[in-house]
Amino acid sequence: MGKGDKKTKRGKIVKGTYGKRRQSAKKRKKKSAADTENAAE
């Protein structure tokens, strides 16, 4: 497993693709300030 493996994060980086292991920045949900405060309690 490594650079040639399509199912690993490293393989996705080398290929330049996204998926479950390496999600694109667009898909990622940013935490708001309210979420962060609620999680701390």
PDB file of N, CA and C in Angstrom:
ATOM      1  N   MET A   1       0.835  -1.182   0.000  1.00  0.00           N
ATOM      2  CA  MET A   1       0.000   0.000   0.000  1.00  0.00           C
ATOM      3  C   MET A   1       0.881   1.247   0.000  1.00  0.00           C
ATOM      4  N   GLY A   2       0.547   2.148  -0.851  1.00  0.00           N
ATOM      5  CA  GLY A   2       1.350   3.362  -0.912  1.00  0.00           C
ATOM      6  C   GLY A   2       0.900   4.283  -2.027  1.00  0.00           C
ATOM      7  N   LYS A   3       1.863   4.791  -2.750  1.00  0.00           N
ATOM      8  CA  LYS A   3       1.579   5.792  -3.784  1.00  0.00           C
ATOM      9  C   LYS A   3       0.699   5.270  -4.921  1.00  0.00           C
ATOM     10  N   GLY A   4       0.821   4.004  -5.233  1.00  0.00           N
ATOM     11  CA  GLY A   4       0.042   3.458  -6.346  1.00  0.00           C
ATOM     12  C   GLY A   4      -1.333   2.958  -5.946  1.00  0.00           C
ATOM     13  N   ASP A   5      -1.602   2.902  -4.644  1.00  0.00           N
ATOM     14  CA  ASP A   5      -2.867   2.353  -4.161  1.00  0.00           C
ATOM     15  C   ASP A   5      -3.966   3.415  -4.191  1.00  0.00           C
ATOM     16  N   LYS A   6      -4.985   3.170  -4.992  1.00  0.00           N
ATOM     17  CA  LYS A   6      -6.069   4.132  -5.164  1.00  0.00           C
ATOM     18  C   LYS A   6      -6.908   4.319  -3.906  1.00  0.00           C
ATOM     19  N   LYS A   7      -6.855   3.360  -2.997  1.00  0.00           N
ATOM     20  CA  LYS A   7      -7.725   3.413  -1.815  1.00  0.00           C
ATOM     21  C   LYS A   7      -7.101   4.089  -0.597  1.00  0.00           C
ATOM     22  N   THR A   8      -5.845   4.512  -0.708  1.00  0.00           N
ATOM     23  CA  THR A   8      -5.197   5.167   0.427  1.00  0.00           C
ATOM     24  C   THR A   8      -5.124   6.675   0.212  1.00  0.00           C
ATOM     25  N   LYS A   9      -4.957   7.407   1.300  1.00  0.00           N
ATOM     26  CA  LYS A   9      -4.859   8.861   1.216  1.00  0.00           C
ATOM     27  C   LYS A   9      -3.663   9.263   0.362  1.00  0.00           C
ATOM     28  N   ARG A  10      -2.536   8.585   0.558  1.00  0.00           N
ATOM     29  CA  ARG A  10      -1.315   8.892  -0.207  1.00  0.00           C
ATOM     30  C   ARG A  10      -1.554   8.659  -1.699  1.00  0.00           C
ATOM     31  N   GLY A  11      -2.226   7.572  -2.028  1.00  0.00           N
ATOM     32  CA  GLY A  11      -2.528   7.274  -3.423  1.00  0.00           C
ATOM     33  C   GLY A  11      -3.419   8.325  -4.053  1.00  0.00           C
ATOM     34  N   LYS A  12      -4.377   8.825  -3.274  1.00  0.00           N
ATOM     35  CA  LYS A  12      -5.283   9.870  -3.770  1.00  0.00           C
ATOM     36  C   LYS A  12      -4.512  11.164  -4.025  1.00  0.00           C
ATOM     37  N   ILE A  13      -3.580  11.486  -3.118  1.00  0.00           N
ATOM     38  CA  ILE A  13      -2.778  12.704  -3.284  1.00  0.00           C
ATOM     39  C   ILE A  13      -1.952  12.598  -4.560  1.00  0.00           C
ATOM     40  N   VAL A  14      -1.313  11.448  -4.785  1.00  0.00           N
ATOM     41  CA  VAL A  14      -0.474  11.240  -5.965  1.00  0.00           C
ATOM     42  C   VAL A  14      -1.308  11.320  -7.241  1.00  0.00           C
ATOM     43  N   LYS A  15      -2.481  10.680  -7.230  1.00  0.00           N
ATOM     44  CA  LYS A  15      -3.357  10.699  -8.403  1.00  0.00           C
ATOM     45  C   LYS A  15      -4.042  12.038  -8.605  1.00  0.00           C
ATOM     46  N   GLY A  16      -4.234  12.781  -7.506  1.00  0.00           N
ATOM     47  CA  GLY A  16      -4.909  14.074  -7.584  1.00  0.00           C
ATOM     48  C   GLY A  16      -6.419  13.942  -7.571  1.00  0.00           C
ATOM     49  N   THR A  17      -6.907  12.873  -6.934  1.00  0.00           N
ATOM     50  CA  THR A  17      -8.350  12.655  -6.869  1.00  0.00           C
ATOM     51  C   THR A  17      -8.826  12.786  -5.430  1.00  0.00           C
ATOM     52  N   TYR A  18     -10.139  12.820  -5.278  1.00  0.00           N
ATOM     53  CA  TYR A  18     -10.756  12.922  -3.962  1.00  0.00           C
ATOM     54  C   TYR A  18     -11.722  11.763  -3.766  1.00  0.00           C
ATOM     55  N   GLY A  19     -12.072  11.515  -2.518  1.00  0.00           N
ATOM     56  CA  GLY A  19     -13.003  10.443  -2.203  1.00  0.00           C
ATOM     57  C   GLY A  19     -13.252  10.393  -0.715  1.00  0.00           C
ATOM     58  N   LYS A  20     -13.558   9.210  -0.212  1.00  0.00           N
ATOM     59  CA  LYS A  20     -13.842   9.044   1.208  1.00  0.00           C
ATOM     60  C   LYS A  20     -12.584   9.248   2.054  1.00  0.00           C
ATOM     61  N   ARG A  21     -11.481   8.735   1.588  1.00  0.00           N
ATOM     62  CA  ARG A  21     -10.220   8.832   2.343  1.00  0.00           C
ATOM     63  C   ARG A  21      -9.628  10.237   2.304  1.00  0.00           C
ATOM     64  N   ARG A  22      -9.852  10.924   1.196  1.00  0.00           N
ATOM     65  CA  ARG A  22      -9.303  12.280   1.041  1.00  0.00           C
ATOM     66  C   ARG A  22     -10.410  13.159   0.482  1.00  0.00           C
ATOM     67  N   GLN A  23     -11.113  13.817   1.377  1.00  0.00           N
ATOM     68  CA  GLN A  23     -12.234  14.634   0.942  1.00  0.00           C
ATOM     69  C   GLN A  23     -11.760  15.990   0.456  1.00  0.00           C
ATOM     70  N   SER A  24     -12.487  16.524  -0.530  1.00  0.00           N
ATOM     71  CA  SER A  24     -12.118  17.831  -1.059  1.00  0.00           C
ATOM     72  C   SER A  24     -12.509  18.915  -0.065  1.00  0.00           C
ATOM     73  N   ALA A  25     -11.862  20.044  -0.147  1.00  0.00           N
ATOM     74  CA  ALA A  25     -12.100  21.161   0.771  1.00  0.00           C
ATOM     75  C   ALA A  25     -13.542  21.655   0.657  1.00  0.00           C
ATOM     76  N   LYS A  26     -14.129  21.554  -0.534  1.00  0.00           N
ATOM     77  CA  LYS A  26     -15.501  21.996  -0.762  1.00  0.00           C
ATOM     78  C   LYS A  26     -16.492  21.181   0.069  1.00  0.00           C
ATOM     79  N   LYS A  27     -16.247  19.873   0.158  1.00  0.00           N
ATOM     80  CA  LYS A  27     -17.166  18.983   0.862  1.00  0.00           C
ATOM     81  C   LYS A  27     -17.097  19.127   2.372  1.00  0.00           C
ATOM     82  N   ARG A  28     -15.920  19.468   2.886  1.00  0.00           N
ATOM     83  CA  ARG A  28     -15.721  19.543   4.324  1.00  0.00           C
ATOM     84  C   ARG A  28     -16.556  20.647   4.955  1.00  0.00           C
ATOM     85  N   LYS A  29     -17.222  20.337   6.040  1.00  0.00           N
ATOM     86  CA  LYS A  29     -18.077  21.294   6.725  1.00  0.00           C
ATOM     87  C   LYS A  29     -17.274  22.007   7.804  1.00  0.00           C
ATOM     88  N   LYS A  30     -17.280  23.321   7.774  1.00  0.00           N
ATOM     89  CA  LYS A  30     -16.545  24.087   8.778  1.00  0.00           C
ATOM     90  C   LYS A  30     -17.402  24.226  10.032  1.00  0.00           C
ATOM     91  N   LYS A  31     -16.757  24.107  11.181  1.00  0.00           N
ATOM     92  CA  LYS A  31     -17.474  24.258  12.449  1.00  0.00           C
ATOM     93  C   LYS A  31     -17.644  25.741  12.744  1.00  0.00           C
ATOM     94  N   SER A  32     -18.847  26.103  13.150  1.00  0.00           N
ATOM     95  CA  SER A  32     -19.085  27.493  13.519  1.00  0.00           C
ATOM     96  C   SER A  32     -18.683  27.703  14.973  1.00  0.00           C
ATOM     97  N   ALA A  33     -18.635  28.936  15.401  1.00  0.00           N
ATOM     98  CA  ALA A  33     -18.248  29.272  16.770  1.00  0.00           C
ATOM     99  C   ALA A  33     -19.253  28.675  17.763  1.00  0.00           C
ATOM    100  N   ALA A  34     -20.519  28.637  17.402  1.00  0.00           N
ATOM    101  CA  ALA A  34     -21.553  28.092  18.278  1.00  0.00           C
ATOM    102  C   ALA A  34     -21.342  26.588  18.483  1.00  0.00           C
ATOM    103  N   ASP A  35     -20.989  25.873  17.429  1.00  0.00           N
ATOM    104  CA  ASP A  35     -20.738  24.434  17.533  1.00  0.00           C
ATOM    105  C   ASP A  35     -19.563  24.146  18.446  1.00  0.00           C
ATOM    106  N   THR A  36     -18.523  24.935  18.345  1.00  0.00           N
ATOM    107  CA  THR A  36     -17.325  24.741  19.143  1.00  0.00           C
ATOM    108  C   THR A  36     -17.625  24.965  20.631  1.00  0.00           C
ATOM    109  N   GLU A  37     -18.417  25.995  20.928  1.00  0.00           N
ATOM    110  CA  GLU A  37     -18.773  26.278  22.320  1.00  0.00           C
ATOM    111  C   GLU A  37     -19.639  25.165  22.909  1.00  0.00           C
ATOM    112  N   ASN A  38     -20.577  24.649  22.132  1.00  0.00           N
ATOM    113  CA  ASN A  38     -21.460  23.592  22.612  1.00  0.00           C
ATOM    114  C   ASN A  38     -20.700  22.292  22.854  1.00  0.00           C
ATOM    115  N   ALA A  39     -19.708  22.017  22.042  1.00  0.00           N
ATOM    116  CA  ALA A  39     -18.920  20.785  22.193  1.00  0.00           C
ATOM    117  C   ALA A  39     -18.057  20.829  23.453  1.00  0.00           C
ATOM    118  N   ALA A  40     -17.641  22.018  23.860  1.00  0.00           N
ATOM    119  CA  ALA A  40     -16.772  22.165  25.033  1.00  0.00           C
ATOM    120  C   ALA A  40     -17.535  21.917  26.341  1.00  0.00           C
ATOM    121  N   GLU A  41     -18.828  22.118  26.330  1.00  0.00           N
ATOM    122  CA  GLU A  41     -19.627  21.975  27.565  1.00  0.00           C
ATOM    123  C   GLU A  41     -19.851  20.547  27.973  1.00  0.00           C
TER     124      GLU A  41
END
